N, C-alpha and C. Protein backbone atom coordinates (compact mmCIF):
# COMPACT_ATOMS: atom_id res chain seq x y z
N MET A 1 -6.53 -12.70 0.96
CA MET A 1 -6.30 -11.67 1.95
C MET A 1 -5.99 -10.34 1.24
N LEU A 2 -6.43 -9.27 1.80
CA LEU A 2 -6.30 -7.96 1.16
C LEU A 2 -4.85 -7.49 1.06
N ILE A 3 -4.06 -7.77 2.07
CA ILE A 3 -2.65 -7.36 2.02
C ILE A 3 -1.93 -8.11 0.91
N ASP A 4 -2.23 -9.39 0.76
CA ASP A 4 -1.63 -10.18 -0.32
C ASP A 4 -2.00 -9.62 -1.68
N HIS A 5 -3.25 -9.18 -1.81
CA HIS A 5 -3.70 -8.56 -3.07
C HIS A 5 -2.88 -7.30 -3.35
N ALA A 6 -2.71 -6.46 -2.33
CA ALA A 6 -1.95 -5.22 -2.50
C ALA A 6 -0.52 -5.52 -2.94
N VAL A 7 0.11 -6.48 -2.29
CA VAL A 7 1.49 -6.84 -2.62
C VAL A 7 1.58 -7.38 -4.05
N SER A 8 0.58 -8.14 -4.46
CA SER A 8 0.60 -8.72 -5.81
C SER A 8 0.46 -7.67 -6.91
N GLU A 9 -0.02 -6.49 -6.58
CA GLU A 9 -0.17 -5.42 -7.56
C GLU A 9 1.10 -4.60 -7.75
N ILE A 10 2.05 -4.70 -6.86
CA ILE A 10 3.26 -3.88 -6.93
C ILE A 10 4.05 -4.10 -8.22
N PRO A 11 4.18 -5.33 -8.73
CA PRO A 11 4.93 -5.50 -9.99
C PRO A 11 4.33 -4.74 -11.18
N HIS A 12 3.07 -4.35 -11.08
CA HIS A 12 2.42 -3.62 -12.17
C HIS A 12 2.79 -2.13 -12.17
N LEU A 13 3.42 -1.66 -11.09
CA LEU A 13 3.83 -0.26 -11.01
C LEU A 13 5.15 -0.06 -11.72
N LYS A 14 5.38 1.15 -12.18
CA LYS A 14 6.65 1.50 -12.80
C LYS A 14 7.67 1.80 -11.70
N SER A 15 8.93 1.58 -11.98
CA SER A 15 9.99 1.89 -11.03
C SER A 15 9.95 3.37 -10.68
N SER A 16 10.13 3.68 -9.42
CA SER A 16 10.12 5.05 -8.86
C SER A 16 8.72 5.66 -8.79
N GLU A 17 7.68 4.92 -9.11
CA GLU A 17 6.32 5.44 -9.05
C GLU A 17 5.86 5.52 -7.59
N GLN A 18 5.29 6.66 -7.21
CA GLN A 18 4.75 6.83 -5.87
C GLN A 18 3.32 6.33 -5.82
N PHE A 19 2.92 5.79 -4.66
CA PHE A 19 1.56 5.28 -4.52
C PHE A 19 1.17 5.20 -3.05
N MET A 20 -0.12 5.04 -2.82
CA MET A 20 -0.67 4.73 -1.51
C MET A 20 -1.31 3.35 -1.62
N VAL A 21 -1.55 2.72 -0.51
CA VAL A 21 -2.12 1.37 -0.54
C VAL A 21 -3.44 1.36 -1.30
N ARG A 22 -4.25 2.37 -1.15
CA ARG A 22 -5.54 2.40 -1.84
C ARG A 22 -5.38 2.37 -3.36
N ASP A 23 -4.25 2.86 -3.86
CA ASP A 23 -3.99 2.86 -5.30
C ASP A 23 -3.79 1.45 -5.85
N LEU A 24 -3.54 0.49 -4.98
CA LEU A 24 -3.30 -0.88 -5.40
C LEU A 24 -4.60 -1.67 -5.57
N PHE A 25 -5.73 -1.02 -5.35
CA PHE A 25 -7.05 -1.64 -5.49
C PHE A 25 -7.85 -0.90 -6.55
N ILE A 26 -8.77 -1.59 -7.18
CA ILE A 26 -9.72 -0.94 -8.07
C ILE A 26 -10.60 -0.06 -7.18
N GLY A 27 -10.95 1.12 -7.66
CA GLY A 27 -11.67 2.11 -6.87
C GLY A 27 -12.86 1.55 -6.11
N TYR A 28 -13.72 0.81 -6.78
CA TYR A 28 -14.92 0.31 -6.10
C TYR A 28 -14.59 -0.74 -5.05
N GLU A 29 -13.50 -1.49 -5.24
CA GLU A 29 -13.11 -2.47 -4.22
C GLU A 29 -12.71 -1.76 -2.93
N TRP A 30 -11.89 -0.72 -3.07
CA TRP A 30 -11.44 0.03 -1.90
C TRP A 30 -12.60 0.76 -1.25
N ASN A 31 -13.49 1.34 -2.06
CA ASN A 31 -14.62 2.10 -1.53
C ASN A 31 -15.61 1.22 -0.76
N ARG A 32 -15.68 -0.05 -1.07
CA ARG A 32 -16.59 -0.97 -0.38
C ARG A 32 -16.09 -1.38 0.99
N LEU A 33 -14.82 -1.14 1.26
CA LEU A 33 -14.25 -1.51 2.55
C LEU A 33 -14.61 -0.45 3.59
N SER A 34 -14.87 -0.90 4.81
CA SER A 34 -15.14 0.06 5.89
C SER A 34 -13.85 0.80 6.24
N ASN A 35 -13.99 1.94 6.89
CA ASN A 35 -12.81 2.71 7.30
C ASN A 35 -11.92 1.88 8.22
N TYR A 36 -12.51 1.07 9.05
CA TYR A 36 -11.76 0.21 9.96
C TYR A 36 -10.90 -0.78 9.18
N VAL A 37 -11.49 -1.42 8.17
CA VAL A 37 -10.76 -2.39 7.37
C VAL A 37 -9.67 -1.70 6.56
N ARG A 38 -9.96 -0.53 6.01
CA ARG A 38 -8.96 0.21 5.26
C ARG A 38 -7.74 0.51 6.13
N ALA A 39 -7.99 0.94 7.36
CA ALA A 39 -6.90 1.25 8.28
C ALA A 39 -6.09 0.00 8.60
N LYS A 40 -6.76 -1.12 8.79
CA LYS A 40 -6.07 -2.37 9.09
C LYS A 40 -5.24 -2.84 7.89
N VAL A 41 -5.76 -2.69 6.69
CA VAL A 41 -5.01 -3.08 5.49
C VAL A 41 -3.78 -2.19 5.34
N GLY A 42 -3.95 -0.89 5.54
CA GLY A 42 -2.82 0.03 5.45
C GLY A 42 -1.75 -0.27 6.48
N ALA A 43 -2.15 -0.50 7.71
CA ALA A 43 -1.20 -0.81 8.78
C ALA A 43 -0.55 -2.17 8.53
N GLY A 44 -1.33 -3.13 8.08
CA GLY A 44 -0.79 -4.45 7.80
C GLY A 44 0.23 -4.42 6.68
N PHE A 45 -0.07 -3.66 5.63
CA PHE A 45 0.87 -3.51 4.51
C PHE A 45 2.17 -2.90 5.02
N TYR A 46 2.06 -1.88 5.83
CA TYR A 46 3.24 -1.19 6.37
C TYR A 46 4.09 -2.13 7.21
N TYR A 47 3.48 -2.80 8.17
CA TYR A 47 4.25 -3.62 9.12
C TYR A 47 4.63 -4.99 8.59
N GLU A 48 3.78 -5.61 7.79
CA GLU A 48 4.05 -6.96 7.31
C GLU A 48 4.85 -7.00 6.02
N TYR A 49 4.86 -5.91 5.28
CA TYR A 49 5.55 -5.93 3.99
C TYR A 49 6.57 -4.81 3.86
N ALA A 50 6.14 -3.58 3.95
CA ALA A 50 7.02 -2.45 3.64
C ALA A 50 8.17 -2.32 4.63
N LYS A 51 7.98 -2.67 5.89
CA LYS A 51 9.03 -2.53 6.89
C LYS A 51 10.06 -3.66 6.81
N VAL A 52 9.75 -4.73 6.10
CA VAL A 52 10.66 -5.87 5.97
C VAL A 52 11.48 -5.66 4.70
N GLU A 53 12.65 -5.06 4.85
CA GLU A 53 13.43 -4.65 3.68
C GLU A 53 13.82 -5.80 2.77
N SER A 54 14.05 -6.97 3.32
CA SER A 54 14.47 -8.10 2.48
C SER A 54 13.35 -8.57 1.56
N LEU A 55 12.09 -8.34 1.95
CA LEU A 55 10.94 -8.74 1.14
C LEU A 55 10.44 -7.61 0.26
N SER A 56 10.62 -6.42 0.73
CA SER A 56 9.93 -5.27 0.15
C SER A 56 10.52 -4.80 -1.17
N GLN A 57 9.64 -4.43 -2.06
CA GLN A 57 10.00 -3.80 -3.32
C GLN A 57 9.70 -2.31 -3.26
N VAL A 58 9.37 -1.82 -2.07
CA VAL A 58 8.96 -0.43 -1.93
C VAL A 58 9.82 0.30 -0.89
N GLU A 59 9.84 1.60 -1.05
CA GLU A 59 10.52 2.50 -0.12
C GLU A 59 9.43 3.28 0.60
N ILE A 60 9.56 3.43 1.90
CA ILE A 60 8.58 4.17 2.68
C ILE A 60 8.92 5.65 2.61
N LEU A 61 7.95 6.46 2.23
CA LEU A 61 8.12 7.92 2.16
C LEU A 61 7.37 8.57 3.31
N ALA A 62 7.28 9.88 3.28
CA ALA A 62 6.53 10.63 4.29
C ALA A 62 5.03 10.40 4.10
N LYS A 63 4.25 10.89 5.04
CA LYS A 63 2.80 10.79 4.92
C LYS A 63 2.27 11.98 4.12
N SER A 64 1.11 11.76 3.51
CA SER A 64 0.47 12.83 2.73
C SER A 64 -0.18 13.83 3.68
N ALA A 65 -0.71 14.90 3.12
CA ALA A 65 -1.40 15.92 3.91
C ALA A 65 -2.63 15.33 4.61
N ARG A 66 -3.16 14.25 4.07
CA ARG A 66 -4.34 13.60 4.68
C ARG A 66 -3.92 12.45 5.60
N ASN A 67 -2.64 12.44 6.00
CA ASN A 67 -2.08 11.46 6.92
C ASN A 67 -2.10 10.03 6.36
N GLN A 68 -1.97 9.91 5.06
CA GLN A 68 -1.90 8.60 4.42
C GLN A 68 -0.45 8.33 4.04
N GLN A 69 0.00 7.11 4.32
CA GLN A 69 1.38 6.74 4.06
C GLN A 69 1.66 6.67 2.57
N LEU A 70 2.75 7.29 2.14
CA LEU A 70 3.17 7.23 0.74
C LEU A 70 4.32 6.25 0.61
N TYR A 71 4.37 5.59 -0.55
CA TYR A 71 5.41 4.62 -0.85
C TYR A 71 5.93 4.91 -2.24
N ARG A 72 7.11 4.36 -2.54
CA ARG A 72 7.69 4.45 -3.87
C ARG A 72 8.23 3.07 -4.24
N LYS A 73 7.91 2.62 -5.44
CA LYS A 73 8.45 1.35 -5.88
C LYS A 73 9.94 1.51 -6.15
N LYS A 74 10.73 0.55 -5.68
CA LYS A 74 12.19 0.60 -5.88
C LYS A 74 12.54 0.27 -7.31
């Protein structure tokens, strides 16, 4: 599952590093996904992982100028 893949990449980030969900995928993997799937992966990551503080290794930040959710590794 794509959300599981995104979560599995978080340990590879440095502490306090900012990122977007798309940063957790290799460029061509993310580019091959339709806009619909990208939106679903982003929303799923937010609601299934980032919002659950007991599970999450990330802090939710503001959205970018392009309305993409930013995160920071704790």
